[in-house]
Amino acid sequence: MRRRSFLTELYDYVLTNRAWMLAPIIVVLLLAGVLIILGGTQAAPLIYTLF
């Protein structure tokens, strides 16, 4: 049996169980992760001016 990634498992869970209420939570967490990652790069001054 092949191991599947966490994101694949989560995607299958949302589709199989029709758990669409999890979609906004997942999107917000992904956006927060991207902002945290970009906060430590050269793009930080650009991000700080947006907020």
N, C-alpha and C. Protein backbone atom coordinates (compact mmCIF):
# COMPACT_ATOMS: atom_id res chain seq x y z
N MET A 1 0.84 -1.17 0.00
CA MET A 1 0.00 0.00 0.00
C MET A 1 0.89 1.24 0.00
N ARG A 2 0.59 2.15 -0.89
CA ARG A 2 1.40 3.35 -1.03
C ARG A 2 0.99 4.40 -0.01
N ARG A 3 1.97 5.07 0.58
CA ARG A 3 1.68 6.14 1.54
C ARG A 3 1.24 7.38 0.78
N ARG A 4 0.23 8.04 1.33
CA ARG A 4 -0.27 9.25 0.72
C ARG A 4 0.05 10.44 1.61
N SER A 5 0.17 11.59 1.00
CA SER A 5 0.52 12.77 1.78
C SER A 5 -0.69 13.25 2.58
N PHE A 6 -0.41 14.09 3.55
CA PHE A 6 -1.46 14.63 4.40
C PHE A 6 -2.47 15.43 3.59
N LEU A 7 -1.99 16.23 2.65
CA LEU A 7 -2.90 17.04 1.85
C LEU A 7 -3.80 16.19 0.97
N THR A 8 -3.27 15.10 0.46
CA THR A 8 -4.09 14.18 -0.35
C THR A 8 -5.16 13.53 0.52
N GLU A 9 -4.78 13.12 1.71
CA GLU A 9 -5.76 12.52 2.63
C GLU A 9 -6.85 13.53 2.99
N LEU A 10 -6.45 14.77 3.27
CA LEU A 10 -7.42 15.81 3.63
C LEU A 10 -8.36 16.11 2.47
N TYR A 11 -7.81 16.19 1.27
CA TYR A 11 -8.62 16.44 0.07
C TYR A 11 -9.64 15.31 -0.14
N ASP A 12 -9.20 14.08 0.00
CA ASP A 12 -10.11 12.94 -0.14
C ASP A 12 -11.20 12.94 0.93
N TYR A 13 -10.82 13.33 2.16
CA TYR A 13 -11.80 13.39 3.25
C TYR A 13 -12.88 14.42 2.96
N VAL A 14 -12.45 15.60 2.50
CA VAL A 14 -13.41 16.67 2.21
C VAL A 14 -14.36 16.24 1.09
N LEU A 15 -13.83 15.62 0.06
CA LEU A 15 -14.68 15.19 -1.06
C LEU A 15 -15.60 14.04 -0.66
N THR A 16 -15.09 13.07 0.08
CA THR A 16 -15.88 11.89 0.41
C THR A 16 -16.99 12.20 1.40
N ASN A 17 -16.67 13.00 2.41
CA ASN A 17 -17.64 13.27 3.47
C ASN A 17 -18.41 14.57 3.27
N ARG A 18 -18.17 15.22 2.16
CA ARG A 18 -18.84 16.49 1.85
C ARG A 18 -18.67 17.49 2.98
N ALA A 19 -17.47 17.58 3.49
CA ALA A 19 -17.15 18.47 4.60
C ALA A 19 -16.67 19.82 4.07
N TRP A 20 -17.52 20.49 3.34
CA TRP A 20 -17.15 21.76 2.71
C TRP A 20 -16.92 22.87 3.72
N MET A 21 -17.39 22.70 4.96
CA MET A 21 -17.17 23.73 5.97
C MET A 21 -15.70 23.82 6.35
N LEU A 22 -14.90 22.80 6.01
CA LEU A 22 -13.47 22.84 6.29
C LEU A 22 -12.69 23.65 5.26
N ALA A 23 -13.26 23.89 4.10
CA ALA A 23 -12.54 24.58 3.03
C ALA A 23 -12.08 25.98 3.43
N PRO A 24 -12.93 26.84 4.02
CA PRO A 24 -12.43 28.18 4.40
C PRO A 24 -11.34 28.12 5.46
N ILE A 25 -11.43 27.17 6.38
CA ILE A 25 -10.41 27.03 7.42
C ILE A 25 -9.07 26.65 6.79
N ILE A 26 -9.11 25.73 5.85
CA ILE A 26 -7.89 25.28 5.18
C ILE A 26 -7.28 26.42 4.38
N VAL A 27 -8.10 27.18 3.68
CA VAL A 27 -7.60 28.29 2.87
C VAL A 27 -6.94 29.35 3.76
N VAL A 28 -7.57 29.69 4.87
CA VAL A 28 -7.00 30.69 5.78
C VAL A 28 -5.68 30.20 6.36
N LEU A 29 -5.61 28.94 6.75
CA LEU A 29 -4.36 28.40 7.28
C LEU A 29 -3.24 28.39 6.24
N LEU A 30 -3.58 28.07 5.00
CA LEU A 30 -2.58 28.10 3.93
C LEU A 30 -2.09 29.51 3.66
N LEU A 31 -3.00 30.49 3.64
CA LEU A 31 -2.60 31.88 3.43
C LEU A 31 -1.73 32.39 4.59
N ALA A 32 -2.08 32.03 5.81
CA ALA A 32 -1.26 32.43 6.95
C ALA A 32 0.13 31.81 6.85
N GLY A 33 0.22 30.57 6.43
CA GLY A 33 1.52 29.93 6.26
C GLY A 33 2.37 30.61 5.20
N VAL A 34 1.73 31.00 4.11
CA VAL A 34 2.46 31.70 3.05
C VAL A 34 2.97 33.04 3.55
N LEU A 35 2.14 33.77 4.31
CA LEU A 35 2.58 35.06 4.85
C LEU A 35 3.73 34.89 5.84
N ILE A 36 3.70 33.84 6.64
CA ILE A 36 4.79 33.60 7.58
C ILE A 36 6.08 33.28 6.84
N ILE A 37 5.98 32.47 5.82
CA ILE A 37 7.17 32.12 5.04
C ILE A 37 7.73 33.35 4.32
N LEU A 38 6.86 34.13 3.71
CA LEU A 38 7.32 35.32 3.00
C LEU A 38 7.81 36.41 3.94
N GLY A 39 7.37 36.37 5.20
CA GLY A 39 7.82 37.36 6.17
C GLY A 39 9.30 37.27 6.48
N GLY A 40 9.90 36.14 6.24
CA GLY A 40 11.31 35.96 6.50
C GLY A 40 12.18 36.13 5.28
N THR A 41 11.61 36.58 4.18
CA THR A 41 12.37 36.73 2.94
C THR A 41 12.52 38.21 2.59
N GLN A 42 13.00 38.46 1.40
CA GLN A 42 13.17 39.83 0.92
C GLN A 42 11.83 40.51 0.64
N ALA A 43 10.75 39.75 0.59
CA ALA A 43 9.43 40.31 0.32
C ALA A 43 8.78 40.90 1.57
N ALA A 44 9.45 40.81 2.72
CA ALA A 44 8.87 41.28 3.99
C ALA A 44 8.47 42.76 3.95
N PRO A 45 9.30 43.67 3.45
CA PRO A 45 8.87 45.08 3.43
C PRO A 45 7.61 45.30 2.59
N LEU A 46 7.45 44.56 1.53
CA LEU A 46 6.24 44.69 0.71
C LEU A 46 5.01 44.21 1.47
N ILE A 47 5.15 43.12 2.19
CA ILE A 47 4.03 42.59 2.96
C ILE A 47 3.64 43.54 4.08
N TYR A 48 4.64 44.13 4.74
CA TYR A 48 4.35 45.03 5.86
C TYR A 48 3.61 46.28 5.40
N THR A 49 3.87 46.74 4.16
CA THR A 49 3.15 47.92 3.66
C THR A 49 1.70 47.59 3.32
N LEU A 50 1.41 46.34 3.04
CA LEU A 50 0.03 45.97 2.75
C LEU A 50 -0.85 46.01 3.99
N PHE A 51 -0.28 45.78 5.15
CA PHE A 51 -1.04 45.74 6.38
C PHE A 51 -0.76 46.96 7.21
